[in-house]
Amino acid sequence: MALILVTACGYHFPGSGAFPADIRSIYLDAEPADSPLARALADALRRDDEVRLVSSRSQAEGVLVVTGGGLSSSAAAIDTAGVATEYEVTVRADFRLLKPGREAGEVVSESQGLETSTTFPSEGTTPTAEEANKRRAGRQAAEDLARRILRSVKSSF
């Protein structure tokens, strides 16, 4: 019975996967703003029932600052003829969750050097098909890293 009362009031046990109780609106400050990771984070925050993604810092109770998020790719497997048969797309980023206030804001949670990778086959098709495969793999890697960033933010509380 006590557990029901505690969770019904909005309390979360530390590490249970929730945003801090006093952060119900978040502004996403991603650089670059048009990266696959920035888009994946914005989508994930829009789907999150605990917070509301807002369009300006002045509306926000928290600011998620993300740097990096660009894609890099390299050959992951090469055949005996020296031709790449598989590529790896990697997304790297750092983040800080801030509470607005003072000049720089209070850091609530942060992590540096997060990265995730996804591989895709080189099907020996047209360059257009290869680029489409790379974009698809990049979106997947960005979505995975976005989930990891939000899990990391929420696991701090």
C-alpha atoms as a PDB file:
ATOM      1  CA  MET A   1       0.000   0.000   0.000  1.00  0.00           C
ATOM      2  CA  ALA A   2       2.804   2.427   0.859  1.00  0.00           C
ATOM      3  CA  LEU A   3       4.464   1.695  -2.493  1.00  0.00           C
ATOM      4  CA  ILE A   4       1.271   2.620  -4.328  1.00  0.00           C
ATOM      5  CA  LEU A   5       1.037   5.903  -2.428  1.00  0.00           C
ATOM      6  CA  VAL A   6       4.691   6.744  -3.048  1.00  0.00           C
ATOM      7  CA  THR A   7       4.573   6.027  -6.793  1.00  0.00           C
ATOM      8  CA  ALA A   8       1.154   7.650  -7.222  1.00  0.00           C
ATOM      9  CA  CYS A   9       2.535  10.992  -6.048  1.00  0.00           C
ATOM     10  CA  GLY A  10       5.174  10.973  -8.784  1.00  0.00           C
ATOM     11  CA  TYR A  11       8.108   9.762  -6.704  1.00  0.00           C
ATOM     12  CA  HIS A  12      10.594   7.550  -8.551  1.00  0.00           C
ATOM     13  CA  PHE A  13      13.193   5.381  -6.876  1.00  0.00           C
ATOM     14  CA  PRO A  14      16.755   6.419  -7.782  1.00  0.00           C
ATOM     15  CA  GLY A  15      17.904   4.724 -10.987  1.00  0.00           C
ATOM     16  CA  SER A  16      14.354   3.712 -11.915  1.00  0.00           C
ATOM     17  CA  GLY A  17      14.408   5.570 -15.192  1.00  0.00           C
ATOM     18  CA  ALA A  18      12.710   8.918 -14.757  1.00  0.00           C
ATOM     19  CA  PHE A  19      13.588  12.525 -15.389  1.00  0.00           C
ATOM     20  CA  PRO A  20      14.134  14.609 -12.250  1.00  0.00           C
ATOM     21  CA  ALA A  21      10.780  15.472 -10.678  1.00  0.00           C
ATOM     22  CA  ASP A  22      11.294  19.205 -11.249  1.00  0.00           C
ATOM     23  CA  ILE A  23      12.016  18.822 -14.984  1.00  0.00           C
ATOM     24  CA  ARG A  24       8.801  18.378 -16.949  1.00  0.00           C
ATOM     25  CA  SER A  25       9.730  20.425 -20.023  1.00  0.00           C
ATOM     26  CA  ILE A  26      12.963  20.128 -22.000  1.00  0.00           C
ATOM     27  CA  TYR A  27      14.630  22.232 -24.643  1.00  0.00           C
ATOM     28  CA  LEU A  28      16.964  20.307 -26.965  1.00  0.00           C
ATOM     29  CA  ASP A  29      20.126  22.267 -27.760  1.00  0.00           C
ATOM     30  CA  ALA A  30      21.906  20.037 -30.282  1.00  0.00           C
ATOM     31  CA  GLU A  31      24.937  20.996 -32.326  1.00  0.00           C
ATOM     32  CA  PRO A  32      24.638  20.385 -35.207  1.00  0.00           C
ATOM     33  CA  ALA A  33      20.884  20.938 -35.014  1.00  0.00           C
ATOM     34  CA  ASP A  34      20.144  19.025 -38.212  1.00  0.00           C
ATOM     35  CA  SER A  35      22.127  15.884 -37.396  1.00  0.00           C
ATOM     36  CA  PRO A  36      20.483  12.439 -37.441  1.00  0.00           C
ATOM     37  CA  LEU A  37      21.064  12.272 -33.666  1.00  0.00           C
ATOM     38  CA  ALA A  38      19.316  15.611 -33.059  1.00  0.00           C
ATOM     39  CA  ARG A  39      16.312  14.406 -35.073  1.00  0.00           C
ATOM     40  CA  ALA A  40      16.260  11.048 -33.237  1.00  0.00           C
ATOM     41  CA  LEU A  41      16.444  12.765 -29.820  1.00  0.00           C
ATOM     42  CA  ALA A  42      13.660  15.197 -30.714  1.00  0.00           C
ATOM     43  CA  ASP A  43      11.470  12.291 -31.848  1.00  0.00           C
ATOM     44  CA  ALA A  44      12.214  10.298 -28.682  1.00  0.00           C
ATOM     45  CA  LEU A  45      11.473  13.292 -26.439  1.00  0.00           C
ATOM     46  CA  ARG A  46       8.180  13.935 -28.240  1.00  0.00           C
ATOM     47  CA  ARG A  47       7.158  10.325 -27.552  1.00  0.00           C
ATOM     48  CA  ASP A  48       8.206  10.467 -23.884  1.00  0.00           C
ATOM     49  CA  ASP A  49       5.213  10.794 -21.540  1.00  0.00           C
ATOM     50  CA  GLU A  50       7.294  12.279 -18.697  1.00  0.00           C
ATOM     51  CA  VAL A  51       8.496  15.451 -20.393  1.00  0.00           C
ATOM     52  CA  ARG A  52       7.377  17.929 -22.998  1.00  0.00           C
ATOM     53  CA  LEU A  53       9.785  19.075 -25.699  1.00  0.00           C
ATOM     54  CA  VAL A  54       9.602  22.867 -25.931  1.00  0.00           C
ATOM     55  CA  SER A  55      10.811  25.211 -28.647  1.00  0.00           C
ATOM     56  CA  SER A  56      12.747  27.726 -26.524  1.00  0.00           C
ATOM     57  CA  ARG A  57      15.036  27.773 -23.505  1.00  0.00           C
ATOM     58  CA  SER A  58      12.764  30.242 -21.722  1.00  0.00           C
ATOM     59  CA  GLN A  59       9.935  27.665 -21.671  1.00  0.00           C
ATOM     60  CA  ALA A  60      12.165  24.863 -20.375  1.00  0.00           C
ATOM     61  CA  GLU A  61      12.725  23.473 -16.897  1.00  0.00           C
ATOM     62  CA  GLY A  62      15.691  21.535 -18.310  1.00  0.00           C
ATOM     63  CA  VAL A  63      18.032  21.909 -21.263  1.00  0.00           C
ATOM     64  CA  LEU A  64      19.548  18.862 -22.949  1.00  0.00           C
ATOM     65  CA  VAL A  65      22.787  20.046 -24.577  1.00  0.00           C
ATOM     66  CA  VAL A  66      24.151  17.577 -27.124  1.00  0.00           C
ATOM     67  CA  THR A  67      27.367  18.054 -29.091  1.00  0.00           C
ATOM     68  CA  GLY A  68      28.485  15.799 -31.895  1.00  0.00           C
ATOM     69  CA  GLY A  69      26.004  13.457 -33.476  1.00  0.00           C
ATOM     70  CA  GLY A  70      27.462  13.453 -36.940  1.00  0.00           C
ATOM     71  CA  LEU A  71      27.959  10.200 -38.820  1.00  0.00           C
ATOM     72  CA  SER A  72      31.256   8.648 -39.798  1.00  0.00           C
ATOM     73  CA  SER A  73      31.668   5.489 -41.839  1.00  0.00           C
ATOM     74  CA  SER A  74      34.451   3.075 -42.596  1.00  0.00           C
ATOM     75  CA  ALA A  75      34.932  -0.337 -44.126  1.00  0.00           C
ATOM     76  CA  ALA A  76      34.166  -3.040 -41.561  1.00  0.00           C
ATOM     77  CA  ALA A  77      34.938  -6.101 -43.707  1.00  0.00           C
ATOM     78  CA  ILE A  78      37.068  -6.476 -46.819  1.00  0.00           C
ATOM     79  CA  ASP A  79      37.158  -9.487 -49.141  1.00  0.00           C
ATOM     80  CA  THR A  80      40.309 -11.136 -50.523  1.00  0.00           C
ATOM     81  CA  ALA A  81      40.249  -8.805 -53.543  1.00  0.00           C
ATOM     82  CA  GLY A  82      40.400  -5.780 -51.210  1.00  0.00           C
ATOM     83  CA  VAL A  83      36.814  -4.745 -51.825  1.00  0.00           C
ATOM     84  CA  ALA A  84      34.677  -3.640 -48.870  1.00  0.00           C
ATOM     85  CA  THR A  85      31.827  -6.074 -48.244  1.00  0.00           C
ATOM     86  CA  GLU A  86      30.493  -4.374 -45.129  1.00  0.00           C
ATOM     87  CA  TYR A  87      30.591  -0.839 -43.755  1.00  0.00           C
ATOM     88  CA  GLU A  88      30.216   0.507 -40.243  1.00  0.00           C
ATOM     89  CA  VAL A  89      28.445   3.783 -39.475  1.00  0.00           C
ATOM     90  CA  THR A  90      29.274   5.372 -36.123  1.00  0.00           C
ATOM     91  CA  VAL A  91      27.620   8.217 -34.211  1.00  0.00           C
ATOM     92  CA  ARG A  92      29.460   9.913 -31.334  1.00  0.00           C
ATOM     93  CA  ALA A  93      28.189  12.552 -28.924  1.00  0.00           C
ATOM     94  CA  ASP A  94      28.463  14.181 -25.518  1.00  0.00           C
ATOM     95  CA  PHE A  95      25.516  15.448 -23.498  1.00  0.00           C
ATOM     96  CA  ARG A  96      24.689  17.563 -20.473  1.00  0.00           C
ATOM     97  CA  LEU A  97      21.287  18.019 -18.856  1.00  0.00           C
ATOM     98  CA  LEU A  98      21.100  21.499 -17.355  1.00  0.00           C
ATOM     99  CA  LYS A  99      18.648  23.264 -15.127  1.00  0.00           C
ATOM    100  CA  PRO A 100      18.397  26.847 -16.353  1.00  0.00           C
ATOM    101  CA  GLY A 101      19.546  29.435 -13.919  1.00  0.00           C
ATOM    102  CA  ARG A 102      22.792  31.119 -13.212  1.00  0.00           C
ATOM    103  CA  GLU A 103      24.996  31.907 -16.188  1.00  0.00           C
ATOM    104  CA  ALA A 104      25.741  28.415 -17.465  1.00  0.00           C
ATOM    105  CA  GLY A 105      22.988  26.487 -15.694  1.00  0.00           C
ATOM    106  CA  GLU A 106      23.313  23.742 -13.111  1.00  0.00           C
ATOM    107  CA  VAL A 107      24.570  20.443 -14.560  1.00  0.00           C
ATOM    108  CA  VAL A 108      22.159  17.703 -13.518  1.00  0.00           C
ATOM    109  CA  SER A 109      23.589  14.836 -15.568  1.00  0.00           C
ATOM    110  CA  GLU A 110      26.311  14.484 -18.178  1.00  0.00           C
ATOM    111  CA  SER A 111      28.337  11.998 -20.169  1.00  0.00           C
ATOM    112  CA  GLN A 112      31.112  12.288 -22.705  1.00  0.00           C
ATOM    113  CA  GLY A 113      32.315  10.045 -25.472  1.00  0.00           C
ATOM    114  CA  LEU A 114      29.117   8.085 -26.040  1.00  0.00           C
ATOM    115  CA  GLU A 115      29.051   6.215 -29.323  1.00  0.00           C
ATOM    116  CA  THR A 116      27.201   3.515 -31.134  1.00  0.00           C
ATOM    117  CA  SER A 117      27.745   1.803 -34.458  1.00  0.00           C
ATOM    118  CA  THR A 118      25.684  -0.101 -36.982  1.00  0.00           C
ATOM    119  CA  THR A 119      26.970  -2.135 -39.892  1.00  0.00           C
ATOM    120  CA  PHE A 120      25.449  -2.582 -43.306  1.00  0.00           C
ATOM    121  CA  PRO A 121      26.445  -4.790 -46.235  1.00  0.00           C
ATOM    122  CA  SER A 122      27.986  -3.452 -49.384  1.00  0.00           C
ATOM    123  CA  GLU A 123      25.795  -5.142 -51.912  1.00  0.00           C
ATOM    124  CA  GLY A 124      27.848  -4.126 -54.907  1.00  0.00           C
ATOM    125  CA  THR A 125      24.896  -2.160 -56.200  1.00  0.00           C
ATOM    126  CA  THR A 126      24.716   1.385 -57.439  1.00  0.00           C
ATOM    127  CA  PRO A 127      26.215   4.266 -55.487  1.00  0.00           C
ATOM    128  CA  THR A 128      22.672   5.532 -54.899  1.00  0.00           C
ATOM    129  CA  ALA A 129      21.683   2.239 -53.243  1.00  0.00           C
ATOM    130  CA  GLU A 130      24.875   2.270 -51.142  1.00  0.00           C
ATOM    131  CA  GLU A 131      24.099   5.812 -49.974  1.00  0.00           C
ATOM    132  CA  ALA A 132      20.539   4.779 -49.066  1.00  0.00           C
ATOM    133  CA  ASN A 133      21.933   1.848 -47.037  1.00  0.00           C
ATOM    134  CA  LYS A 134      24.361   4.197 -45.296  1.00  0.00           C
ATOM    135  CA  ARG A 135      21.570   6.669 -44.433  1.00  0.00           C
ATOM    136  CA  ARG A 136      19.390   3.832 -43.100  1.00  0.00           C
ATOM    137  CA  ALA A 137      22.262   2.518 -40.960  1.00  0.00           C
ATOM    138  CA  GLY A 138      23.009   6.067 -39.779  1.00  0.00           C
ATOM    139  CA  ARG A 139      19.394   6.598 -38.718  1.00  0.00           C
ATOM    140  CA  GLN A 140      19.472   3.310 -36.821  1.00  0.00           C
ATOM    141  CA  ALA A 141      22.730   4.220 -35.062  1.00  0.00           C
ATOM    142  CA  ALA A 142      21.351   7.692 -34.202  1.00  0.00           C
ATOM    143  CA  GLU A 143      18.127   6.204 -32.803  1.00  0.00           C
ATOM    144  CA  ASP A 144      20.147   3.739 -30.720  1.00  0.00           C
ATOM    145  CA  LEU A 145      22.350   6.529 -29.344  1.00  0.00           C
ATOM    146  CA  ALA A 146      19.301   8.726 -28.625  1.00  0.00           C
ATOM    147  CA  ARG A 147      17.766   5.898 -26.566  1.00  0.00           C
ATOM    148  CA  ARG A 148      21.089   5.415 -24.783  1.00  0.00           C
ATOM    149  CA  ILE A 149      21.370   9.137 -23.954  1.00  0.00           C
ATOM    150  CA  LEU A 150      17.830   9.274 -22.540  1.00  0.00           C
ATOM    151  CA  ARG A 151      18.413   6.046 -20.583  1.00  0.00           C
ATOM    152  CA  SER A 152      21.594   7.569 -19.170  1.00  0.00           C
ATOM    153  CA  VAL A 153      19.802  10.786 -18.183  1.00  0.00           C
ATOM    154  CA  LYS A 154      16.972   8.885 -16.545  1.00  0.00           C
ATOM    155  CA  SER A 155      19.169   6.337 -14.755  1.00  0.00           C
ATOM    156  CA  SER A 156      20.772   9.150 -12.758  1.00  0.00           C
ATOM    157  CA  PHE A 157      17.539   9.657 -10.822  1.00  0.00           C
END
